[in-house]
Amino acid sequence: MANKKGENRRLVDFKCTVCEKHKVRKEKNVKNTPERMELSMYCPICKKHTPHKESK
């Protein structure tokens, strides 16, 4: 039987590693990537692309 749409996707918070102030909320497929992610995103406070880590 097929899974329901969006069953494996969850909202997670990403926090800037440089300034620790900018937070972004994105969806993540928990089934494919159970460990914590790190993405490079634009931080308007730092005014450049910085690594954002998944926060608790």
N, C-alpha and C. Protein backbone atom coordinates (compact mmCIF):
# COMPACT_ATOMS: atom_id res chain seq x y z
N MET A 1 0.83 -1.18 0.00
CA MET A 1 0.00 0.00 0.00
C MET A 1 0.88 1.24 0.00
N ALA A 2 0.49 2.23 -0.73
CA ALA A 2 1.28 3.45 -0.87
C ALA A 2 1.17 4.32 0.38
N ASN A 3 2.25 5.07 0.64
CA ASN A 3 2.25 6.02 1.76
C ASN A 3 1.42 7.24 1.40
N LYS A 4 0.91 7.89 2.42
CA LYS A 4 0.18 9.13 2.20
C LYS A 4 1.14 10.22 1.78
N LYS A 5 0.63 11.18 1.04
CA LYS A 5 1.48 12.27 0.57
C LYS A 5 1.98 13.10 1.75
N GLY A 6 3.29 13.34 1.80
CA GLY A 6 3.88 14.16 2.85
C GLY A 6 4.10 13.46 4.17
N GLU A 7 3.97 12.15 4.18
CA GLU A 7 4.11 11.41 5.44
C GLU A 7 5.54 11.43 5.96
N ASN A 8 6.52 11.42 5.06
CA ASN A 8 7.93 11.37 5.46
C ASN A 8 8.56 12.75 5.56
N ARG A 9 7.84 13.79 5.20
CA ARG A 9 8.40 15.14 5.22
C ARG A 9 8.01 15.87 6.50
N ARG A 10 9.00 16.51 7.13
CA ARG A 10 8.76 17.26 8.37
C ARG A 10 9.39 18.63 8.27
N LEU A 11 8.83 19.59 9.00
CA LEU A 11 9.41 20.93 9.07
C LEU A 11 10.55 20.93 10.09
N VAL A 12 11.69 21.46 9.69
CA VAL A 12 12.84 21.57 10.59
C VAL A 12 13.37 23.00 10.53
N ASP A 13 14.01 23.44 11.59
CA ASP A 13 14.58 24.78 11.68
C ASP A 13 16.07 24.73 11.37
N PHE A 14 16.54 25.67 10.57
CA PHE A 14 17.96 25.82 10.27
C PHE A 14 18.43 27.14 10.84
N LYS A 15 19.60 27.13 11.49
CA LYS A 15 20.14 28.31 12.16
C LYS A 15 21.51 28.65 11.58
N CYS A 16 21.76 29.93 11.37
CA CYS A 16 23.04 30.40 10.83
C CYS A 16 24.16 30.08 11.82
N THR A 17 25.26 29.53 11.32
CA THR A 17 26.37 29.18 12.20
C THR A 17 27.27 30.37 12.52
N VAL A 18 27.16 31.44 11.74
CA VAL A 18 28.03 32.60 11.95
C VAL A 18 27.42 33.56 12.97
N CYS A 19 26.20 34.01 12.71
CA CYS A 19 25.60 35.02 13.60
C CYS A 19 24.67 34.41 14.65
N GLU A 20 24.24 33.19 14.47
CA GLU A 20 23.36 32.48 15.41
C GLU A 20 22.00 33.16 15.61
N LYS A 21 21.62 34.11 14.72
CA LYS A 21 20.37 34.84 14.89
C LYS A 21 19.34 34.48 13.82
N HIS A 22 19.79 34.26 12.60
CA HIS A 22 18.87 34.03 11.49
C HIS A 22 18.38 32.58 11.50
N LYS A 23 17.05 32.40 11.48
CA LYS A 23 16.46 31.07 11.45
C LYS A 23 15.60 30.92 10.21
N VAL A 24 15.64 29.74 9.62
CA VAL A 24 14.85 29.43 8.44
C VAL A 24 14.14 28.11 8.71
N ARG A 25 12.90 28.00 8.27
CA ARG A 25 12.14 26.77 8.44
C ARG A 25 11.92 26.15 7.07
N LYS A 26 12.38 24.89 6.90
CA LYS A 26 12.26 24.18 5.63
C LYS A 26 11.78 22.76 5.87
N GLU A 27 11.30 22.13 4.80
CA GLU A 27 10.88 20.74 4.87
C GLU A 27 12.07 19.83 4.59
N LYS A 28 12.04 18.64 5.23
CA LYS A 28 13.10 17.67 5.04
C LYS A 28 12.47 16.29 5.01
N ASN A 29 12.95 15.42 4.12
CA ASN A 29 12.48 14.06 4.06
C ASN A 29 13.25 13.25 5.11
N VAL A 30 12.57 12.87 6.18
CA VAL A 30 13.20 12.21 7.32
C VAL A 30 13.60 10.78 6.97
N LYS A 31 12.89 10.16 6.05
CA LYS A 31 13.18 8.78 5.67
C LYS A 31 14.51 8.69 4.91
N ASN A 32 14.78 9.64 4.02
CA ASN A 32 16.01 9.62 3.23
C ASN A 32 17.21 10.17 3.98
N THR A 33 17.02 11.19 4.81
CA THR A 33 18.12 11.80 5.55
C THR A 33 17.76 11.90 7.03
N PRO A 34 17.97 10.84 7.80
CA PRO A 34 17.63 10.87 9.23
C PRO A 34 18.60 11.71 10.05
N GLU A 35 19.86 11.87 9.59
CA GLU A 35 20.83 12.67 10.35
C GLU A 35 20.61 14.15 10.09
N ARG A 36 21.28 14.98 10.86
CA ARG A 36 21.12 16.42 10.72
C ARG A 36 21.80 16.93 9.46
N MET A 37 21.17 17.94 8.86
CA MET A 37 21.67 18.49 7.60
C MET A 37 22.37 19.82 7.83
N GLU A 38 23.21 20.20 6.87
CA GLU A 38 23.83 21.51 6.85
C GLU A 38 23.72 22.04 5.42
N LEU A 39 23.10 23.20 5.26
CA LEU A 39 22.90 23.79 3.94
C LEU A 39 23.53 25.18 3.89
N SER A 40 23.93 25.58 2.71
CA SER A 40 24.44 26.93 2.51
C SER A 40 23.28 27.81 2.04
N MET A 41 22.92 28.79 2.87
CA MET A 41 21.80 29.68 2.56
C MET A 41 22.21 31.13 2.79
N TYR A 42 21.45 32.04 2.19
CA TYR A 42 21.72 33.45 2.36
C TYR A 42 21.21 33.92 3.72
N CYS A 43 22.05 34.63 4.45
CA CYS A 43 21.69 35.20 5.75
C CYS A 43 21.59 36.72 5.58
N PRO A 44 20.40 37.30 5.78
CA PRO A 44 20.27 38.75 5.61
C PRO A 44 20.99 39.55 6.70
N ILE A 45 21.29 38.94 7.82
CA ILE A 45 22.01 39.64 8.89
C ILE A 45 23.50 39.71 8.56
N CYS A 46 24.07 38.59 8.09
CA CYS A 46 25.48 38.55 7.69
C CYS A 46 25.70 39.13 6.30
N LYS A 47 24.63 39.19 5.51
CA LYS A 47 24.65 39.68 4.13
C LYS A 47 25.56 38.87 3.22
N LYS A 48 25.55 37.55 3.40
CA LYS A 48 26.30 36.64 2.53
C LYS A 48 25.78 35.21 2.73
N HIS A 49 26.22 34.31 1.89
CA HIS A 49 25.85 32.91 2.03
C HIS A 49 26.71 32.29 3.13
N THR A 50 26.06 31.69 4.10
CA THR A 50 26.73 31.06 5.21
C THR A 50 26.14 29.67 5.44
N PRO A 51 26.89 28.77 6.11
CA PRO A 51 26.33 27.45 6.41
C PRO A 51 25.25 27.57 7.50
N HIS A 52 24.15 26.91 7.28
CA HIS A 52 23.06 26.84 8.25
C HIS A 52 22.91 25.40 8.69
N LYS A 53 22.96 25.16 10.00
CA LYS A 53 22.82 23.82 10.53
C LYS A 53 21.41 23.62 11.06
N GLU A 54 20.99 22.38 11.01
CA GLU A 54 19.67 22.02 11.54
C GLU A 54 19.70 22.11 13.06
N SER A 55 18.78 22.85 13.64
CA SER A 55 18.73 23.00 15.10
C SER A 55 17.66 22.08 15.68
N LYS A 56 17.68 21.96 16.99
CA LYS A 56 16.73 21.06 17.66
C LYS A 56 15.34 21.63 17.64
